[in-house]
Amino acid sequence: FIYSNIELLKDYVARLERYLSAVYEVDL
């Protein structure tokens, strides 16, 4: 479980990082 989920977790973290970077670039 750990071995397979860590690979998936790396992908999810990368996606969240992209989202947060995009939010930070929006004019607020």
PDB file of all heavy atoms in Angstrom:
ATOM      1  N   PHE A   1       0.828  -1.195   0.000  1.00  0.00           N
ATOM      2  CA  PHE A   1       0.000   0.000   0.000  1.00  0.00           C
ATOM      3  C   PHE A   1       0.868   1.253   0.000  1.00  0.00           C
ATOM      4  O   PHE A   1       0.658   2.188  -0.786  1.00  0.00           O
ATOM      5  CB  PHE A   1      -0.924   0.028   1.229  1.00  0.00           C
ATOM      6  CG  PHE A   1      -1.907  -1.111   1.280  1.00  0.00           C
ATOM      7  CD1 PHE A   1      -2.413  -1.546   2.493  1.00  0.00           C
ATOM      8  CD2 PHE A   1      -2.320  -1.742   0.123  1.00  0.00           C
ATOM      9  CE1 PHE A   1      -3.315  -2.599   2.554  1.00  0.00           C
ATOM     10  CE2 PHE A   1      -3.232  -2.801   0.169  1.00  0.00           C
ATOM     11  CZ  PHE A   1      -3.717  -3.227   1.385  1.00  0.00           C
ATOM     12  N   ILE A   2       1.831   1.273   0.918  1.00  0.00           N
ATOM     13  CA  ILE A   2       2.700   2.450   1.043  1.00  0.00           C
ATOM     14  C   ILE A   2       3.466   2.676  -0.259  1.00  0.00           C
ATOM     15  O   ILE A   2       3.548   3.798  -0.775  1.00  0.00           O
ATOM     16  CB  ILE A   2       3.669   2.276   2.222  1.00  0.00           C
ATOM     17  CG1 ILE A   2       2.901   2.205   3.535  1.00  0.00           C
ATOM     18  CG2 ILE A   2       4.678   3.411   2.271  1.00  0.00           C
ATOM     19  CD1 ILE A   2       3.743   1.811   4.730  1.00  0.00           C
ATOM     20  N   TYR A   3       4.034   1.602  -0.788  1.00  0.00           N
ATOM     21  CA  TYR A   3       4.875   1.720  -1.983  1.00  0.00           C
ATOM     22  C   TYR A   3       4.073   2.264  -3.162  1.00  0.00           C
ATOM     23  O   TYR A   3       4.527   3.164  -3.892  1.00  0.00           O
ATOM     24  CB  TYR A   3       5.460   0.341  -2.317  1.00  0.00           C
ATOM     25  CG  TYR A   3       6.419   0.332  -3.478  1.00  0.00           C
ATOM     26  CD1 TYR A   3       7.711   0.817  -3.329  1.00  0.00           C
ATOM     27  CD2 TYR A   3       6.032  -0.154  -4.722  1.00  0.00           C
ATOM     28  CE1 TYR A   3       8.598   0.811  -4.392  1.00  0.00           C
ATOM     29  CE2 TYR A   3       6.909  -0.170  -5.790  1.00  0.00           C
ATOM     30  CZ  TYR A   3       8.192   0.313  -5.619  1.00  0.00           C
ATOM     31  OH  TYR A   3       9.057   0.310  -6.680  1.00  0.00           O
ATOM     32  N   SER A   4       2.871   1.727  -3.361  1.00  0.00           N
ATOM     33  CA  SER A   4       2.072   2.176  -4.509  1.00  0.00           C
ATOM     34  C   SER A   4       1.468   3.554  -4.280  1.00  0.00           C
ATOM     35  O   SER A   4       1.357   4.365  -5.215  1.00  0.00           O
ATOM     36  CB  SER A   4       0.971   1.158  -4.802  1.00  0.00           C
ATOM     37  OG  SER A   4       0.131   0.997  -3.665  1.00  0.00           O
ATOM     38  N   ASN A   5       1.075   3.867  -3.043  1.00  0.00           N
ATOM     39  CA  ASN A   5       0.415   5.148  -2.768  1.00  0.00           C
ATOM     40  C   ASN A   5       1.389   6.321  -2.796  1.00  0.00           C
ATOM     41  O   ASN A   5       0.982   7.455  -3.091  1.00  0.00           O
ATOM     42  CB  ASN A   5      -0.298   5.104  -1.422  1.00  0.00           C
ATOM     43  CG  ASN A   5      -1.550   4.250  -1.468  1.00  0.00           C
ATOM     44  OD1 ASN A   5      -2.091   3.997  -2.548  1.00  0.00           O
ATOM     45  ND2 ASN A   5      -2.008   3.796  -0.307  1.00  0.00           N
ATOM     46  N   ILE A   6       2.656   6.084  -2.452  1.00  0.00           N
ATOM     47  CA  ILE A   6       3.618   7.187  -2.467  1.00  0.00           C
ATOM     48  C   ILE A   6       3.798   7.716  -3.884  1.00  0.00           C
ATOM     49  O   ILE A   6       3.914   8.935  -4.104  1.00  0.00           O
ATOM     50  CB  ILE A   6       4.957   6.740  -1.851  1.00  0.00           C
ATOM     51  CG1 ILE A   6       4.828   6.626  -0.337  1.00  0.00           C
ATOM     52  CG2 ILE A   6       6.082   7.715  -2.196  1.00  0.00           C
ATOM     53  CD1 ILE A   6       6.061   6.138   0.366  1.00  0.00           C
ATOM     54  N   GLU A   7       3.829   6.841  -4.855  1.00  0.00           N
ATOM     55  CA  GLU A   7       3.954   7.283  -6.242  1.00  0.00           C
ATOM     56  C   GLU A   7       2.745   8.135  -6.640  1.00  0.00           C
ATOM     57  O   GLU A   7       2.879   9.176  -7.303  1.00  0.00           O
ATOM     58  CB  GLU A   7       4.064   6.052  -7.157  1.00  0.00           C
ATOM     59  CG  GLU A   7       4.396   6.366  -8.595  1.00  0.00           C
ATOM     60  CD  GLU A   7       5.783   6.948  -8.766  1.00  0.00           C
ATOM     61  OE1 GLU A   7       6.682   6.631  -7.955  1.00  0.00           O
ATOM     62  OE2 GLU A   7       5.980   7.742  -9.716  1.00  0.00           O
ATOM     63  N   LEU A   8       1.569   7.686  -6.211  1.00  0.00           N
ATOM     64  CA  LEU A   8       0.354   8.457  -6.489  1.00  0.00           C
ATOM     65  C   LEU A   8       0.359   9.777  -5.734  1.00  0.00           C
ATOM     66  O   LEU A   8      -0.070  10.824  -6.264  1.00  0.00           O
ATOM     67  CB  LEU A   8      -0.869   7.618  -6.083  1.00  0.00           C
ATOM     68  CG  LEU A   8      -2.241   8.173  -6.456  1.00  0.00           C
ATOM     69  CD1 LEU A   8      -2.374   8.324  -7.974  1.00  0.00           C
ATOM     70  CD2 LEU A   8      -3.339   7.273  -5.918  1.00  0.00           C
ATOM     71  N   LEU A   9       0.864   9.751  -4.486  1.00  0.00           N
ATOM     72  CA  LEU A   9       0.925  10.963  -3.679  1.00  0.00           C
ATOM     73  C   LEU A   9       1.848  11.996  -4.311  1.00  0.00           C
ATOM     74  O   LEU A   9       1.554  13.215  -4.277  1.00  0.00           O
ATOM     75  CB  LEU A   9       1.407  10.600  -2.265  1.00  0.00           C
ATOM     76  CG  LEU A   9       1.435  11.733  -1.244  1.00  0.00           C
ATOM     77  CD1 LEU A   9       0.038  12.313  -1.040  1.00  0.00           C
ATOM     78  CD2 LEU A   9       2.011  11.227   0.082  1.00  0.00           C
ATOM     79  N   LYS A  10       2.941  11.569  -4.884  1.00  0.00           N
ATOM     80  CA  LYS A  10       3.850  12.497  -5.562  1.00  0.00           C
ATOM     81  C   LYS A  10       3.134  13.214  -6.698  1.00  0.00           C
ATOM     82  O   LYS A  10       3.299  14.428  -6.900  1.00  0.00           O
ATOM     83  CB  LYS A  10       5.073  11.744  -6.098  1.00  0.00           C
ATOM     84  CG  LYS A  10       6.034  11.275  -5.023  1.00  0.00           C
ATOM     85  CD  LYS A  10       7.183  10.478  -5.598  1.00  0.00           C
ATOM     86  CE  LYS A  10       8.085  11.338  -6.448  1.00  0.00           C
ATOM     87  NZ  LYS A  10       9.266  10.572  -6.941  1.00  0.00           N
ATOM     88  N   ASP A  11       2.314  12.489  -7.441  1.00  0.00           N
ATOM     89  CA  ASP A  11       1.569  13.100  -8.542  1.00  0.00           C
ATOM     90  C   ASP A  11       0.541  14.092  -8.007  1.00  0.00           C
ATOM     91  O   ASP A  11       0.388  15.199  -8.553  1.00  0.00           O
ATOM     92  CB  ASP A  11       0.895  12.006  -9.357  1.00  0.00           C
ATOM     93  CG  ASP A  11       0.100  12.565 -10.529  1.00  0.00           C
ATOM     94  OD1 ASP A  11       0.711  13.243 -11.381  1.00  0.00           O
ATOM     95  OD2 ASP A  11      -1.121  12.302 -10.591  1.00  0.00           O
ATOM     96  N   TYR A  12      -0.161  13.722  -6.919  1.00  0.00           N
ATOM     97  CA  TYR A  12      -1.173  14.629  -6.358  1.00  0.00           C
ATOM     98  C   TYR A  12      -0.539  15.901  -5.808  1.00  0.00           C
ATOM     99  O   TYR A  12      -1.073  16.999  -5.972  1.00  0.00           O
ATOM    100  CB  TYR A  12      -1.929  13.915  -5.240  1.00  0.00           C
ATOM    101  CG  TYR A  12      -2.930  12.881  -5.721  1.00  0.00           C
ATOM    102  CD1 TYR A  12      -3.640  12.095  -4.814  1.00  0.00           C
ATOM    103  CD2 TYR A  12      -3.159  12.690  -7.088  1.00  0.00           C
ATOM    104  CE1 TYR A  12      -4.555  11.136  -5.255  1.00  0.00           C
ATOM    105  CE2 TYR A  12      -4.064  11.737  -7.529  1.00  0.00           C
ATOM    106  CZ  TYR A  12      -4.752  10.964  -6.619  1.00  0.00           C
ATOM    107  OH  TYR A  12      -5.660  10.033  -7.058  1.00  0.00           O
ATOM    108  N   VAL A  13       0.590  15.761  -5.137  1.00  0.00           N
ATOM    109  CA  VAL A  13       1.279  16.937  -4.595  1.00  0.00           C
ATOM    110  C   VAL A  13       1.715  17.864  -5.727  1.00  0.00           C
ATOM    111  O   VAL A  13       1.614  19.108  -5.615  1.00  0.00           O
ATOM    112  CB  VAL A  13       2.473  16.492  -3.735  1.00  0.00           C
ATOM    113  CG1 VAL A  13       3.379  17.675  -3.417  1.00  0.00           C
ATOM    114  CG2 VAL A  13       1.999  15.839  -2.450  1.00  0.00           C
ATOM    115  N   ALA A  14       2.190  17.275  -6.814  1.00  0.00           N
ATOM    116  CA  ALA A  14       2.598  18.101  -7.955  1.00  0.00           C
ATOM    117  C   ALA A  14       1.409  18.877  -8.525  1.00  0.00           C
ATOM    118  O   ALA A  14       1.518  20.065  -8.888  1.00  0.00           O
ATOM    119  CB  ALA A  14       3.230  17.228  -9.035  1.00  0.00           C
ATOM    120  N   ARG A  15       0.244  18.228  -8.578  1.00  0.00           N
ATOM    121  CA  ARG A  15      -0.951  18.912  -9.081  1.00  0.00           C
ATOM    122  C   ARG A  15      -1.371  20.058  -8.151  1.00  0.00           C
ATOM    123  O   ARG A  15      -1.715  21.170  -8.600  1.00  0.00           O
ATOM    124  CB  ARG A  15      -2.104  17.918  -9.199  1.00  0.00           C
ATOM    125  CG  ARG A  15      -1.905  16.863 -10.268  1.00  0.00           C
ATOM    126  CD  ARG A  15      -3.150  15.998 -10.341  1.00  0.00           C
ATOM    127  NE  ARG A  15      -2.929  14.785 -11.127  1.00  0.00           N
ATOM    128  CZ  ARG A  15      -3.890  13.896 -11.368  1.00  0.00           C
ATOM    129  NH1 ARG A  15      -5.108  14.061 -10.851  1.00  0.00           N
ATOM    130  NH2 ARG A  15      -3.620  12.811 -12.086  1.00  0.00           N
ATOM    131  N   LEU A  16      -1.354  19.784  -6.835  1.00  0.00           N
ATOM    132  CA  LEU A  16      -1.724  20.838  -5.886  1.00  0.00           C
ATOM    133  C   LEU A  16      -0.759  22.025  -5.965  1.00  0.00           C
ATOM    134  O   LEU A  16      -1.163  23.184  -5.834  1.00  0.00           O
ATOM    135  CB  LEU A  16      -1.732  20.262  -4.467  1.00  0.00           C
ATOM    136  CG  LEU A  16      -2.895  19.327  -4.122  1.00  0.00           C
ATOM    137  CD1 LEU A  16      -2.686  18.709  -2.748  1.00  0.00           C
ATOM    138  CD2 LEU A  16      -4.220  20.085  -4.150  1.00  0.00           C
ATOM    139  N   GLU A  17       0.505  21.698  -6.159  1.00  0.00           N
ATOM    140  CA  GLU A  17       1.499  22.766  -6.261  1.00  0.00           C
ATOM    141  C   GLU A  17       1.215  23.648  -7.471  1.00  0.00           C
ATOM    142  O   GLU A  17       1.324  24.889  -7.410  1.00  0.00           O
ATOM    143  CB  GLU A  17       2.897  22.150  -6.355  1.00  0.00           C
ATOM    144  CG  GLU A  17       4.001  23.193  -6.317  1.00  0.00           C
ATOM    145  CD  GLU A  17       5.381  22.559  -6.392  1.00  0.00           C
ATOM    146  OE1 GLU A  17       5.481  21.324  -6.277  1.00  0.00           O
ATOM    147  OE2 GLU A  17       6.352  23.322  -6.572  1.00  0.00           O
ATOM    148  N   ARG A  18       0.827  23.028  -8.596  1.00  0.00           N
ATOM    149  CA  ARG A  18       0.470  23.802  -9.788  1.00  0.00           C
ATOM    150  C   ARG A  18      -0.736  24.700  -9.517  1.00  0.00           C
ATOM    151  O   ARG A  18      -0.779  25.866  -9.908  1.00  0.00           O
ATOM    152  CB  ARG A  18       0.147  22.852 -10.935  1.00  0.00           C
ATOM    153  CG  ARG A  18       1.376  22.206 -11.587  1.00  0.00           C
ATOM    154  CD  ARG A  18       0.956  21.227 -12.656  1.00  0.00           C
ATOM    155  NE  ARG A  18       0.147  21.900 -13.671  1.00  0.00           N
ATOM    156  CZ  ARG A  18      -0.660  21.283 -14.532  1.00  0.00           C
ATOM    157  NH1 ARG A  18      -0.763  19.956 -14.481  1.00  0.00           N
ATOM    158  NH2 ARG A  18      -1.357  21.972 -15.423  1.00  0.00           N
ATOM    159  N   TYR A  19      -1.734  24.124  -8.808  1.00  0.00           N
ATOM    160  CA  TYR A  19      -2.945  24.901  -8.506  1.00  0.00           C
ATOM    161  C   TYR A  19      -2.624  26.092  -7.610  1.00  0.00           C
ATOM    162  O   TYR A  19      -3.051  27.221  -7.878  1.00  0.00           O
ATOM    163  CB  TYR A  19      -3.966  23.993  -7.838  1.00  0.00           C
ATOM    164  CG  TYR A  19      -5.160  24.731  -7.290  1.00  0.00           C
ATOM    165  CD1 TYR A  19      -6.159  25.243  -8.142  1.00  0.00           C
ATOM    166  CD2 TYR A  19      -5.290  24.954  -5.918  1.00  0.00           C
ATOM    167  CE1 TYR A  19      -7.243  25.938  -7.634  1.00  0.00           C
ATOM    168  CE2 TYR A  19      -6.375  25.657  -5.405  1.00  0.00           C
ATOM    169  CZ  TYR A  19      -7.351  26.136  -6.272  1.00  0.00           C
ATOM    170  OH  TYR A  19      -8.433  26.837  -5.755  1.00  0.00           O
ATOM    171  N   LEU A  20      -1.872  25.879  -6.563  1.00  0.00           N
ATOM    172  CA  LEU A  20      -1.553  26.955  -5.631  1.00  0.00           C
ATOM    173  C   LEU A  20      -0.696  28.029  -6.298  1.00  0.00           C
ATOM    174  O   LEU A  20      -0.848  29.235  -6.011  1.00  0.00           O
ATOM    175  CB  LEU A  20      -0.833  26.385  -4.404  1.00  0.00           C
ATOM    176  CG  LEU A  20      -1.704  25.500  -3.491  1.00  0.00           C
ATOM    177  CD1 LEU A  20      -0.839  24.858  -2.404  1.00  0.00           C
ATOM    178  CD2 LEU A  20      -2.830  26.310  -2.873  1.00  0.00           C
ATOM    179  N   SER A  21       0.192  27.595  -7.181  1.00  0.00           N
ATOM    180  CA  SER A  21       1.009  28.576  -7.912  1.00  0.00           C
ATOM    181  C   SER A  21       0.120  29.441  -8.795  1.00  0.00           C
ATOM    182  O   SER A  21       0.318  30.667  -8.908  1.00  0.00           O
ATOM    183  CB  SER A  21       2.064  27.857  -8.763  1.00  0.00           C
ATOM    184  OG  SER A  21       2.956  27.154  -7.946  1.00  0.00           O
ATOM    185  N   ALA A  22      -0.885  28.809  -9.432  1.00  0.00           N
ATOM    186  CA  ALA A  22      -1.806  29.574 -10.290  1.00  0.00           C
ATOM    187  C   ALA A  22      -2.640  30.542  -9.461  1.00  0.00           C
ATOM    188  O   ALA A  22      -2.858  31.698  -9.852  1.00  0.00           O
ATOM    189  CB  ALA A  22      -2.715  28.615 -11.058  1.00  0.00           C
ATOM    190  N   VAL A  23      -3.107  30.093  -8.292  1.00  0.00           N
ATOM    191  CA  VAL A  23      -3.894  30.973  -7.425  1.00  0.00           C
ATOM    192  C   VAL A  23      -3.062  32.163  -6.983  1.00  0.00           C
ATOM    193  O   VAL A  23      -3.539  33.314  -6.913  1.00  0.00           O
ATOM    194  CB  VAL A  23      -4.430  30.188  -6.214  1.00  0.00           C
ATOM    195  CG1 VAL A  23      -5.032  31.130  -5.165  1.00  0.00           C
ATOM    196  CG2 VAL A  23      -5.465  29.169  -6.654  1.00  0.00           C
ATOM    197  N   TYR A  24      -1.819  31.944  -6.683  1.00  0.00           N
ATOM    198  CA  TYR A  24      -0.939  33.009  -6.195  1.00  0.00           C
ATOM    199  C   TYR A  24      -0.704  34.069  -7.274  1.00  0.00           C
ATOM    200  O   TYR A  24      -0.450  35.229  -6.981  1.00  0.00           O
ATOM    201  CB  TYR A  24       0.390  32.398  -5.741  1.00  0.00           C
ATOM    202  CG  TYR A  24       1.313  33.383  -5.080  1.00  0.00           C
ATOM    203  CD1 TYR A  24       1.002  33.898  -3.811  1.00  0.00           C
ATOM    204  CD2 TYR A  24       2.488  33.806  -5.699  1.00  0.00           C
ATOM    205  CE1 TYR A  24       1.841  34.814  -3.194  1.00  0.00           C
ATOM    206  CE2 TYR A  24       3.336  34.705  -5.089  1.00  0.00           C
ATOM    207  CZ  TYR A  24       3.007  35.203  -3.825  1.00  0.00           C
ATOM    208  OH  TYR A  24       3.830  36.120  -3.228  1.00  0.00           O
ATOM    209  N   GLU A  25      -0.763  33.642  -8.543  1.00  0.00           N
ATOM    210  CA  GLU A  25      -0.516  34.584  -9.638  1.00  0.00           C
ATOM    211  C   GLU A  25      -1.754  35.404 -10.004  1.00  0.00           C
ATOM    212  O   GLU A  25      -1.673  36.356 -10.793  1.00  0.00           O
ATOM    213  CB  GLU A  25      -0.045  33.804 -10.875  1.00  0.00           C
ATOM    214  CG  GLU A  25       1.337  33.165 -10.668  1.00  0.00           C
ATOM    215  CD  GLU A  25       1.716  32.255 -11.830  1.00  0.00           C
ATOM    216  OE1 GLU A  25       0.877  32.095 -12.747  1.00  0.00           O
ATOM    217  OE2 GLU A  25       2.831  31.692 -11.789  1.00  0.00           O
ATOM    218  N   VAL A  26      -2.934  35.066  -9.499  1.00  0.00           N
ATOM    219  CA  VAL A  26      -4.169  35.802  -9.805  1.00  0.00           C
ATOM    220  C   VAL A  26      -4.156  37.154  -9.069  1.00  0.00           C
ATOM    221  O   VAL A  26      -3.737  37.235  -7.910  1.00  0.00           O
ATOM    222  CB  VAL A  26      -5.400  34.971  -9.384  1.00  0.00           C
ATOM    223  CG1 VAL A  26      -6.679  35.792  -9.559  1.00  0.00           C
ATOM    224  CG2 VAL A  26      -5.480  33.705 -10.216  1.00  0.00           C
ATOM    225  N   ASP A  27      -4.619  38.238  -9.775  1.00  0.00           N
ATOM    226  CA  ASP A  27      -4.722  39.565  -9.152  1.00  0.00           C
ATOM    227  C   ASP A  27      -5.886  39.574  -8.173  1.00  0.00           C
ATOM    228  O   ASP A  27      -7.053  39.338  -8.560  1.00  0.00           O
ATOM    229  CB  ASP A  27      -4.937  40.645 -10.215  1.00  0.00           C
ATOM    230  CG  ASP A  27      -3.684  40.832 -11.083  1.00  0.00           C
ATOM    231  OD1 ASP A  27      -2.584  40.546 -10.555  1.00  0.00           O
ATOM    232  OD2 ASP A  27      -3.819  41.215 -12.252  1.00  0.00           O
ATOM    233  N   LEU A  28      -5.601  39.784  -6.940  1.00  0.00           N
ATOM    234  CA  LEU A  28      -6.607  39.788  -5.894  1.00  0.00           C
ATOM    235  C   LEU A  28      -6.711  41.175  -5.279  1.00  0.00           C
ATOM    236  O   LEU A  28      -5.768  41.981  -5.373  1.00  0.00           O
ATOM    237  CB  LEU A  28      -6.225  38.775  -4.803  1.00  0.00           C
ATOM    238  CG  LEU A  28      -6.152  37.307  -5.229  1.00  0.00           C
ATOM    239  CD1 LEU A  28      -5.605  36.473  -4.067  1.00  0.00           C
ATOM    240  CD2 LEU A  28      -7.537  36.797  -5.633  1.00  0.00           C
TER     241      LEU A  28
END
